[in-house]
Protein backbone atom coordinates (compact mmCIF):
# COMPACT_ATOMS: atom_id res chain seq x y z
CA MET A 1 83.75 115.32 105.86
CA THR A 2 85.70 117.99 107.88
CA ARG A 3 88.68 119.40 106.47
CA GLY A 4 90.34 117.90 109.40
CA SER A 5 88.83 114.51 108.96
CA GLN A 6 90.40 114.56 105.50
CA THR A 7 93.54 115.69 106.37
CA ARG A 8 93.95 113.04 108.99
CA GLU A 9 93.11 110.33 106.11
CA GLN A 10 95.72 111.64 104.22
CA ILE A 11 98.18 111.90 106.86
CA GLU A 12 97.25 107.96 107.48
CA ALA A 13 97.52 106.86 104.01
CA LYS A 14 101.01 109.07 103.10
CA ALA A 15 102.37 107.77 106.36
CA LEU A 16 101.25 103.96 105.88
CA GLN A 17 102.85 104.56 102.45
CA LEU A 18 106.06 105.80 103.61
CA PHE A 19 106.46 103.21 106.37
CA VAL A 20 106.26 101.01 103.74
CA GLU A 21 108.60 102.51 100.89
CA GLN A 22 110.94 103.43 103.63
CA GLY A 23 110.69 101.83 106.86
CA VAL A 24 109.03 103.14 109.83
CA ALA A 25 112.67 104.29 111.32
CA GLU A 26 113.50 106.14 108.26
CA THR A 27 110.57 108.06 107.90
CA SER A 28 110.34 111.29 109.39
CA VAL A 29 107.61 113.42 110.71
CA ARG A 30 108.40 116.14 108.03
CA ASP A 31 108.71 113.54 105.33
CA ILE A 32 104.81 112.33 105.97
CA ALA A 33 104.25 116.18 106.68
CA GLN A 34 105.68 117.17 103.42
CA ALA A 35 103.73 114.33 101.48
CA VAL A 36 100.51 115.35 102.50
CA GLY A 37 101.50 119.26 102.01
CA ILE A 38 100.95 120.47 105.36
CA ALA A 39 103.67 121.96 108.04
CA ASP A 40 105.35 119.55 110.60
CA GLY A 41 103.48 121.32 113.31
CA ALA A 42 99.79 120.39 111.52
CA LEU A 43 100.65 116.64 111.94
CA TYR A 44 100.89 116.96 115.90
CA ARG A 45 97.31 118.33 115.61
CA HIS A 46 96.06 114.93 114.82
CA PHE A 47 98.80 112.64 116.34
CA ALA A 48 101.32 113.40 119.28
CA SER A 49 104.11 111.60 117.36
CA LYS A 50 105.24 108.84 114.84
CA ASP A 51 104.79 106.42 117.17
CA ALA A 52 101.60 107.42 118.15
CA LEU A 53 100.44 107.36 114.47
CA VAL A 54 102.59 104.25 113.89
CA GLY A 55 100.10 102.68 116.86
CA HIS A 56 97.05 104.03 115.64
CA LEU A 57 97.16 102.53 112.12
CA PHE A 58 98.52 99.13 113.50
CA LYS A 59 96.02 98.95 115.75
CA ALA A 60 92.94 99.88 114.05
CA ASN A 61 93.64 97.93 111.34
CA TYR A 62 94.83 94.80 113.03
CA ILE A 63 91.62 94.83 115.29
CA ARG A 64 89.28 95.75 111.75
CA PHE A 65 91.22 92.82 109.83
CA ALA A 66 90.21 90.23 112.96
CA GLU A 67 86.81 91.60 113.14
CA GLU A 68 86.65 90.81 109.54
CA LEU A 69 88.29 87.15 109.98
CA ASP A 70 85.86 86.33 113.04
CA ARG A 71 82.89 87.53 110.58
CA LEU A 72 84.11 84.94 108.04
CA GLN A 73 84.88 82.03 109.78
CA ALA A 74 81.20 82.52 111.90
CA ALA A 75 79.43 81.92 108.45
CA ALA A 76 81.21 78.91 107.61
CA PRO A 77 79.70 75.51 109.23
CA ASP A 78 83.19 73.31 110.06
CA CYS A 79 86.84 73.94 110.72
CA HIS A 80 88.00 73.21 107.22
CA ALA A 81 85.20 75.79 105.69
CA LYS A 82 86.12 78.36 108.73
CA LEU A 83 89.95 77.78 107.69
CA ALA A 84 89.48 78.51 103.98
CA ALA A 85 87.39 81.25 104.55
CA MET A 86 89.59 83.05 106.89
CA VAL A 87 93.06 82.13 104.30
CA GLY A 88 90.83 83.47 101.67
CA GLY A 89 90.19 87.02 103.45
CA PHE A 90 93.95 86.56 103.83
CA CYS A 91 94.40 86.31 100.57
CA ARG A 92 92.20 89.39 99.48
CA PHE A 93 93.35 91.75 102.13
CA PHE A 94 96.95 90.97 100.85
CA ASP A 95 95.18 91.56 97.08
CA ALA A 96 93.16 94.48 97.85
CA ASP A 97 95.24 96.35 100.02
CA PRO A 98 99.12 95.43 100.01
CA VAL A 99 100.25 98.58 101.34
CA LEU A 100 98.21 98.23 104.60
CA PHE A 101 99.06 94.33 104.38
CA ARG A 102 102.85 94.98 104.34
CA PHE A 103 102.52 97.38 106.94
CA LEU A 104 100.73 95.04 109.48
CA LEU A 105 103.03 92.61 108.57
CA PHE A 106 106.39 94.63 108.95
CA VAL A 107 105.51 96.35 112.25
CA GLN A 108 103.42 93.35 114.15
CA HIS A 109 106.72 92.78 116.29
CA GLY A 110 106.95 96.49 117.64
CA GLN A 111 103.35 96.79 118.27
CA LEU A 112 101.41 93.61 119.21
CA ALA A 113 102.51 94.01 123.30
CA LYS A 114 100.64 97.68 122.82
CA ILE A 115 97.13 95.90 122.40
CA GLY A 116 95.36 95.05 125.25
CA ALA A 117 94.49 91.40 125.98
CA GLU A 118 90.71 92.37 126.02
CA VAL A 119 91.17 93.25 122.17
CA SER A 120 90.83 89.76 119.78
CA THR A 121 93.44 89.72 117.36
CA PRO A 122 93.63 87.96 113.99
CA VAL A 123 95.62 85.41 115.89
CA ASP A 124 92.97 85.08 118.68
CA ILE A 125 90.39 84.53 115.70
CA VAL A 126 92.59 81.44 114.17
CA ARG A 127 93.23 79.96 117.74
CA ASN A 128 89.92 80.02 118.65
CA VAL A 129 88.38 78.45 115.86
CA LEU A 130 91.12 75.48 116.02
CA GLU A 131 90.59 75.08 119.72
CA ALA A 132 86.78 74.70 118.95
CA ALA A 133 87.30 72.16 115.90
CA MET A 134 89.96 70.11 118.34
CA THR A 135 87.04 69.93 120.83
CA ARG A 136 84.80 68.84 118.41
CA GLY A 137 87.15 66.21 116.76
CA GLU A 138 87.45 67.59 113.39
CA ILE A 139 91.24 68.05 113.55
CA THR A 140 94.46 66.52 115.73
CA ARG A 141 94.42 67.65 119.38
CA ARG A 142 97.55 69.43 120.03
CA ASP A 143 98.92 72.54 121.65
CA PRO A 144 96.39 75.34 119.97
CA ALA A 145 99.35 77.72 119.80
CA LEU A 146 101.56 75.21 117.62
CA ALA A 147 98.64 74.91 115.44
CA THR A 148 97.83 78.60 115.28
CA ALA A 149 101.31 79.17 114.35
CA TRP A 150 101.62 76.67 111.70
CA VAL A 151 98.70 78.51 110.14
CA PHE A 152 100.06 81.77 110.64
CA GLY A 153 103.08 80.53 109.14
CA ILE A 154 101.77 78.94 106.17
CA VAL A 155 99.91 82.23 105.11
CA LEU A 156 102.76 84.92 106.22
CA GLN A 157 105.51 83.15 104.77
CA THR A 158 103.34 82.84 101.41
CA ALA A 159 102.58 86.23 101.62
CA THR A 160 106.44 87.25 102.33
CA ALA A 161 107.33 85.14 99.46
CA ALA A 162 105.03 87.18 97.60
CA VAL A 163 105.93 90.64 98.70
CA TYR A 164 109.69 90.05 98.13
CA GLY A 165 108.90 88.93 94.12
CA ARG A 166 109.40 85.03 94.76
CA LEU A 167 105.54 84.34 93.85
CA SER A 168 103.09 85.36 92.24
CA PRO A 169 101.97 89.39 93.50
CA LYS A 170 98.43 87.94 93.90
CA LEU A 171 97.34 85.38 96.83
CA THR A 172 93.81 84.76 95.95
CA PRO A 173 95.05 82.27 92.94
CA LEU A 174 97.35 80.46 95.87
CA ARG A 175 94.04 80.09 98.40
CA ASP A 176 93.27 76.99 97.22
CA GLU A 177 97.07 75.58 97.71
CA ILE A 178 97.49 77.52 101.49
CA VAL A 179 94.41 75.97 102.49
CA GLY A 180 95.47 72.62 101.40
CA ALA A 181 98.69 72.94 103.24
CA ALA A 182 97.26 74.54 106.38
CA TRP A 183 94.70 71.68 106.55
CA ARG A 184 97.61 68.91 105.94
CA ALA A 185 99.31 70.57 109.01
CA LEU A 186 96.13 70.69 111.30
CA ALA A 187 94.21 67.38 110.18
CA GLY A 188 97.41 64.97 110.31
CA THR A 189 98.18 63.15 113.44
CA ALA A 190 100.16 64.27 116.17
CA ILE A 191 103.69 62.58 116.14
CA ASP A 192 104.55 60.37 119.12
CA ARG A 193 107.24 61.69 121.72
CA ALA A 194 108.49 58.70 122.79
């Protein structure tokens, strides 16, 4: 590994930590450079701006996580197993790298619109799994966007409660309960709209 790539990795790691601890808006280029032990100008050799750094960190890691979810669901035979595999992936990610998970959770609203439609996201992966399951009759047919929102709501609100200390700081022990809640939401009957 070259010295430049080592410095870039240090910038990314320290920036993630500071963005989660202080917030993106409250973290300056100077804060990041000082944490790495480089001059402010040296940071600009790797990233054109703080916004470029945030965008890079979000997009690269969000896409990498989507690829992992796709790999997990592809190995499972049916919707319930795919859901369990993907929820397990969320839980392991949360437990293994809480700083990165929190960063993605906290900055997604400002970054999602910057990801092109040609890129598969975690939302796309879950939605595709649910749509296919609806087509096969494994779960109740309904608006796939709504079903996807339910899964993400159950998973991410649980993660948010853990971040704020309202639940255990680890999600993996809660995996089966999270899967059960998501499955009950998906497999239930559609509500009549009379």
